[in-house]
C-alpha cells in the first residue's frame, strides 16, 4: 500500500507542476494556486505515513546525528513521509512563485527556470526566483 500511495502522489505532483510551468493561466492552474487543496491532500498522505512511524516522535531533530539516525533507521513509510513532505512544500512554493509573479506582472518566461528548480531542488529554485525577478526589475528601469 505504501508503494502505491507513494507512486500516486509522485505522479500527481508531476502533472500539477506541468500546469504551473506550461499552463500558468488556465482555470485549473488558478484553482490549484489560489486554494490550498493540493497541500492539504498531500498533508493527509504525510499524516497517514507518519502515523505508521511512531518512533519519529522520539527522534532527536536538534543534532545532525539525531537526524542521521532517522535516515539510517528509515522504513518505507518514513521515507514516503519525508518525500511527501518535500513534494508538498516545494509545490506550495511553486504555487506561490507563480501567483507572486502574476501579481507583479512578471513575464512567465522569467520564472520557468526558477519553477523547475523549485520542483527539483526546492530552496535553490526560490533563490533563483529572487535573483531573476530582481534582475528583471533592475533591467526594466
C-alpha atoms as a PDB file:
ATOM      1  CA  UNK A   1       0.000   0.000   0.000  1.00  0.00           C
ATOM      2  CA  UNK A   2       2.860   2.376   0.830  1.00  0.00           C
ATOM      3  CA  UNK A   3       4.378   1.964  -2.611  1.00  0.00           C
ATOM      4  CA  UNK A   4       1.036   2.542  -4.338  1.00  0.00           C
ATOM      5  CA  UNK A   5       0.237   5.730  -2.407  1.00  0.00           C
ATOM      6  CA  UNK A   6       3.791   6.962  -2.929  1.00  0.00           C
ATOM      7  CA  UNK A   7       3.522   6.363  -6.689  1.00  0.00           C
ATOM      8  CA  UNK A   8       0.155   8.116  -6.917  1.00  0.00           C
ATOM      9  CA  UNK A   9       1.420  11.244  -5.176  1.00  0.00           C
ATOM     10  CA  UNK A  10       4.709  11.208  -7.050  1.00  0.00           C
ATOM     11  CA  UNK A  11       2.841  11.055 -10.384  1.00  0.00           C
ATOM     12  CA  UNK A  12       0.206  13.575  -9.351  1.00  0.00           C
ATOM     13  CA  UNK A  13       2.736  16.211  -8.392  1.00  0.00           C
ATOM     14  CA  UNK A  14       4.437  15.983 -11.792  1.00  0.00           C
ATOM     15  CA  UNK A  15       1.118  16.701 -13.510  1.00  0.00           C
ATOM     16  CA  UNK A  16       0.500  19.641 -11.173  1.00  0.00           C
ATOM     17  CA  UNK A  17       3.956  21.086 -11.860  1.00  0.00           C
ATOM     18  CA  UNK A  18       3.330  20.773 -15.607  1.00  0.00           C
ATOM     19  CA  UNK A  19       0.336  23.065 -15.137  1.00  0.00           C
ATOM     20  CA  UNK A  20       2.395  25.588 -13.153  1.00  0.00           C
ATOM     21  CA  UNK A  21       5.182  25.679 -15.740  1.00  0.00           C
ATOM     22  CA  UNK A  22       3.360  25.267 -19.057  1.00  0.00           C
ATOM     23  CA  UNK A  23      -0.239  26.353 -18.449  1.00  0.00           C
ATOM     24  CA  UNK A  24       0.023  29.209 -15.939  1.00  0.00           C
ATOM     25  CA  UNK A  25      -3.163  30.998 -16.983  1.00  0.00           C
ATOM     26  CA  UNK A  26      -5.523  28.031 -17.210  1.00  0.00           C
ATOM     27  CA  UNK A  27      -8.540  27.886 -14.934  1.00  0.00           C
ATOM     28  CA  UNK A  28      -7.304  24.649 -13.339  1.00  0.00           C
ATOM     29  CA  UNK A  29      -3.913  26.208 -12.620  1.00  0.00           C
ATOM     30  CA  UNK A  30      -5.576  29.189 -10.969  1.00  0.00           C
ATOM     31  CA  UNK A  31      -7.601  26.788  -8.836  1.00  0.00           C
ATOM     32  CA  UNK A  32      -4.558  24.857  -7.605  1.00  0.00           C
ATOM     33  CA  UNK A  33      -2.622  28.074  -6.962  1.00  0.00           C
ATOM     34  CA  UNK A  34      -5.358  30.083  -5.237  1.00  0.00           C
ATOM     35  CA  UNK A  35      -6.662  27.383  -2.913  1.00  0.00           C
ATOM     36  CA  UNK A  36      -4.655  25.102  -0.607  1.00  0.00           C
ATOM     37  CA  UNK A  37      -6.353  21.876  -1.738  1.00  0.00           C
ATOM     38  CA  UNK A  38      -3.201  20.235  -3.043  1.00  0.00           C
ATOM     39  CA  UNK A  39      -1.006  20.858   0.024  1.00  0.00           C
ATOM     40  CA  UNK A  40      -3.906  19.760   2.247  1.00  0.00           C
ATOM     41  CA  UNK A  41      -4.270  16.463   0.365  1.00  0.00           C
ATOM     42  CA  UNK A  42      -0.502  15.952   0.487  1.00  0.00           C
ATOM     43  CA  UNK A  43      -0.606  16.715   4.219  1.00  0.00           C
ATOM     44  CA  UNK A  44      -3.164  13.960   4.727  1.00  0.00           C
ATOM     45  CA  UNK A  45      -0.874  11.477   2.970  1.00  0.00           C
ATOM     46  CA  UNK A  46       2.002  12.725   5.119  1.00  0.00           C
ATOM     47  CA  UNK A  47      -0.032  12.163   8.301  1.00  0.00           C
ATOM     48  CA  UNK A  48      -1.001   8.682   7.072  1.00  0.00           C
ATOM     49  CA  UNK A  49       2.661   7.714   6.711  1.00  0.00           C
ATOM     50  CA  UNK A  50       3.865   9.439   9.892  1.00  0.00           C
ATOM     51  CA  UNK A  51       1.171   7.638  11.900  1.00  0.00           C
ATOM     52  CA  UNK A  52       2.871   4.382  10.880  1.00  0.00           C
ATOM     53  CA  UNK A  53       6.249   5.542  12.202  1.00  0.00           C
ATOM     54  CA  UNK A  54       5.736   6.025  15.962  1.00  0.00           C
ATOM     55  CA  UNK A  55       9.497   6.212  16.625  1.00  0.00           C
ATOM     56  CA  UNK A  56       9.528   9.563  14.808  1.00  0.00           C
ATOM     57  CA  UNK A  57       8.203  11.183  17.981  1.00  0.00           C
ATOM     58  CA  UNK A  58      11.312  10.059  19.876  1.00  0.00           C
ATOM     59  CA  UNK A  59      13.683  11.401  17.242  1.00  0.00           C
ATOM     60  CA  UNK A  60      16.336  13.965  18.077  1.00  0.00           C
ATOM     61  CA  UNK A  61      15.914  16.728  15.494  1.00  0.00           C
ATOM     62  CA  UNK A  62      18.302  19.033  17.339  1.00  0.00           C
ATOM     63  CA  UNK A  63      21.506  17.309  16.231  1.00  0.00           C
ATOM     64  CA  UNK A  64      22.878  16.118  12.920  1.00  0.00           C
ATOM     65  CA  UNK A  65      23.486  12.660  14.400  1.00  0.00           C
ATOM     66  CA  UNK A  66      19.870  12.505  15.531  1.00  0.00           C
ATOM     67  CA  UNK A  67      18.619  13.317  12.041  1.00  0.00           C
ATOM     68  CA  UNK A  68      21.130  10.894  10.516  1.00  0.00           C
ATOM     69  CA  UNK A  69      19.784   8.180  12.780  1.00  0.00           C
ATOM     70  CA  UNK A  70      16.334   8.775  11.281  1.00  0.00           C
ATOM     71  CA  UNK A  71      17.734   8.089   7.820  1.00  0.00           C
ATOM     72  CA  UNK A  72      19.693   5.037   8.949  1.00  0.00           C
ATOM     73  CA  UNK A  73      16.628   3.538  10.644  1.00  0.00           C
ATOM     74  CA  UNK A  74      14.163   4.573   7.962  1.00  0.00           C
ATOM     75  CA  UNK A  75      11.273   2.435   6.796  1.00  0.00           C
ATOM     76  CA  UNK A  76       9.307   2.653   3.547  1.00  0.00           C
ATOM     77  CA  UNK A  77       6.681   4.653   5.440  1.00  0.00           C
ATOM     78  CA  UNK A  78       9.150   7.127   6.927  1.00  0.00           C
ATOM     79  CA  UNK A  79      10.856   7.576   3.546  1.00  0.00           C
ATOM     80  CA  UNK A  80       7.471   8.131   1.893  1.00  0.00           C
ATOM     81  CA  UNK A  81       6.546  10.651   4.600  1.00  0.00           C
ATOM     82  CA  UNK A  82       9.797  12.522   4.052  1.00  0.00           C
ATOM     83  CA  UNK A  83       9.324  12.592   0.298  1.00  0.00           C
ATOM     84  CA  UNK A  84       5.669  13.704   0.536  1.00  0.00           C
ATOM     85  CA  UNK A  85       6.869  16.449   2.889  1.00  0.00           C
ATOM     86  CA  UNK A  86       9.252  17.697   0.185  1.00  0.00           C
ATOM     87  CA  UNK A  87       6.619  17.422  -2.528  1.00  0.00           C
ATOM     88  CA  UNK A  88       4.067  19.399  -0.512  1.00  0.00           C
ATOM     89  CA  UNK A  89       6.394  22.241   0.435  1.00  0.00           C
ATOM     90  CA  UNK A  90       8.065  22.505  -2.950  1.00  0.00           C
ATOM     91  CA  UNK A  91       4.666  22.604  -4.661  1.00  0.00           C
ATOM     92  CA  UNK A  92       3.419  25.210  -2.188  1.00  0.00           C
ATOM     93  CA  UNK A  93       6.443  27.373  -3.014  1.00  0.00           C
ATOM     94  CA  UNK A  94       5.988  26.819  -6.748  1.00  0.00           C
ATOM     95  CA  UNK A  95       2.368  27.926  -6.478  1.00  0.00           C
ATOM     96  CA  UNK A  96       3.474  30.985  -4.508  1.00  0.00           C
ATOM     97  CA  UNK A  97       6.131  31.832  -7.125  1.00  0.00           C
ATOM     98  CA  UNK A  98       3.541  31.649  -9.899  1.00  0.00           C
ATOM     99  CA  UNK A  99       0.973  33.723  -8.013  1.00  0.00           C
ATOM    100  CA  UNK A 100       3.546  36.284  -6.860  1.00  0.00           C
ATOM    101  CA  UNK A 101       4.966  36.690 -10.356  1.00  0.00           C
ATOM    102  CA  UNK A 102       1.494  37.148 -11.820  1.00  0.00           C
ATOM    103  CA  UNK A 103       0.613  39.738  -9.169  1.00  0.00           C
ATOM    104  CA  UNK A 104       3.801  41.642 -10.044  1.00  0.00           C
ATOM    105  CA  UNK A 105       3.200  41.275 -13.820  1.00  0.00           C
ATOM    106  CA  UNK A 106       6.475  39.424 -14.317  1.00  0.00           C
ATOM    107  CA  UNK A 107       6.573  37.656 -17.696  1.00  0.00           C
ATOM    108  CA  UNK A 108       6.126  33.922 -17.233  1.00  0.00           C
ATOM    109  CA  UNK A 109       9.221  33.076 -19.263  1.00  0.00           C
ATOM    110  CA  UNK A 110      11.340  34.630 -16.486  1.00  0.00           C
ATOM    111  CA  UNK A 111      10.060  32.223 -13.855  1.00  0.00           C
ATOM    112  CA  UNK A 112      10.234  28.971 -15.827  1.00  0.00           C
ATOM    113  CA  UNK A 113      13.734  28.051 -14.611  1.00  0.00           C
ATOM    114  CA  UNK A 114      13.002  29.068 -11.007  1.00  0.00           C
ATOM    115  CA  UNK A 115       9.859  26.908 -11.092  1.00  0.00           C
ATOM    116  CA  UNK A 116      11.709  23.908 -12.492  1.00  0.00           C
ATOM    117  CA  UNK A 117      14.493  24.272  -9.952  1.00  0.00           C
ATOM    118  CA  UNK A 118      11.985  24.709  -7.115  1.00  0.00           C
ATOM    119  CA  UNK A 119      10.469  21.383  -8.173  1.00  0.00           C
ATOM    120  CA  UNK A 120      13.859  19.675  -8.334  1.00  0.00           C
ATOM    121  CA  UNK A 121      15.949  21.490  -5.696  1.00  0.00           C
ATOM    122  CA  UNK A 122      13.452  23.460  -3.575  1.00  0.00           C
ATOM    123  CA  UNK A 123      15.327  26.325  -1.933  1.00  0.00           C
ATOM    124  CA  UNK A 124      17.654  26.805  -4.910  1.00  0.00           C
ATOM    125  CA  UNK A 125      14.634  27.496  -7.133  1.00  0.00           C
ATOM    126  CA  UNK A 126      13.336  30.046  -4.650  1.00  0.00           C
ATOM    127  CA  UNK A 127      16.734  31.745  -4.660  1.00  0.00           C
ATOM    128  CA  UNK A 128      16.684  31.788  -8.477  1.00  0.00           C
ATOM    129  CA  UNK A 129      13.225  33.367  -8.396  1.00  0.00           C
ATOM    130  CA  UNK A 130      14.513  36.113  -6.126  1.00  0.00           C
ATOM    131  CA  UNK A 131      17.564  36.728  -8.345  1.00  0.00           C
ATOM    132  CA  UNK A 132      15.660  36.603 -11.648  1.00  0.00           C
ATOM    133  CA  UNK A 133      12.865  38.896 -10.501  1.00  0.00           C
ATOM    134  CA  UNK A 134      15.277  41.424  -9.021  1.00  0.00           C
ATOM    135  CA  UNK A 135      17.286  41.433 -12.249  1.00  0.00           C
ATOM    136  CA  UNK A 136      14.076  41.827 -14.234  1.00  0.00           C
ATOM    137  CA  UNK A 137      13.020  44.907 -12.279  1.00  0.00           C
ATOM    138  CA  UNK A 138      16.524  46.430 -12.377  1.00  0.00           C
ATOM    139  CA  UNK A 139      16.796  45.952 -16.137  1.00  0.00           C
ATOM    140  CA  UNK A 140      13.248  47.202 -16.642  1.00  0.00           C
ATOM    141  CA  UNK A 141      14.127  50.633 -15.194  1.00  0.00           C
END
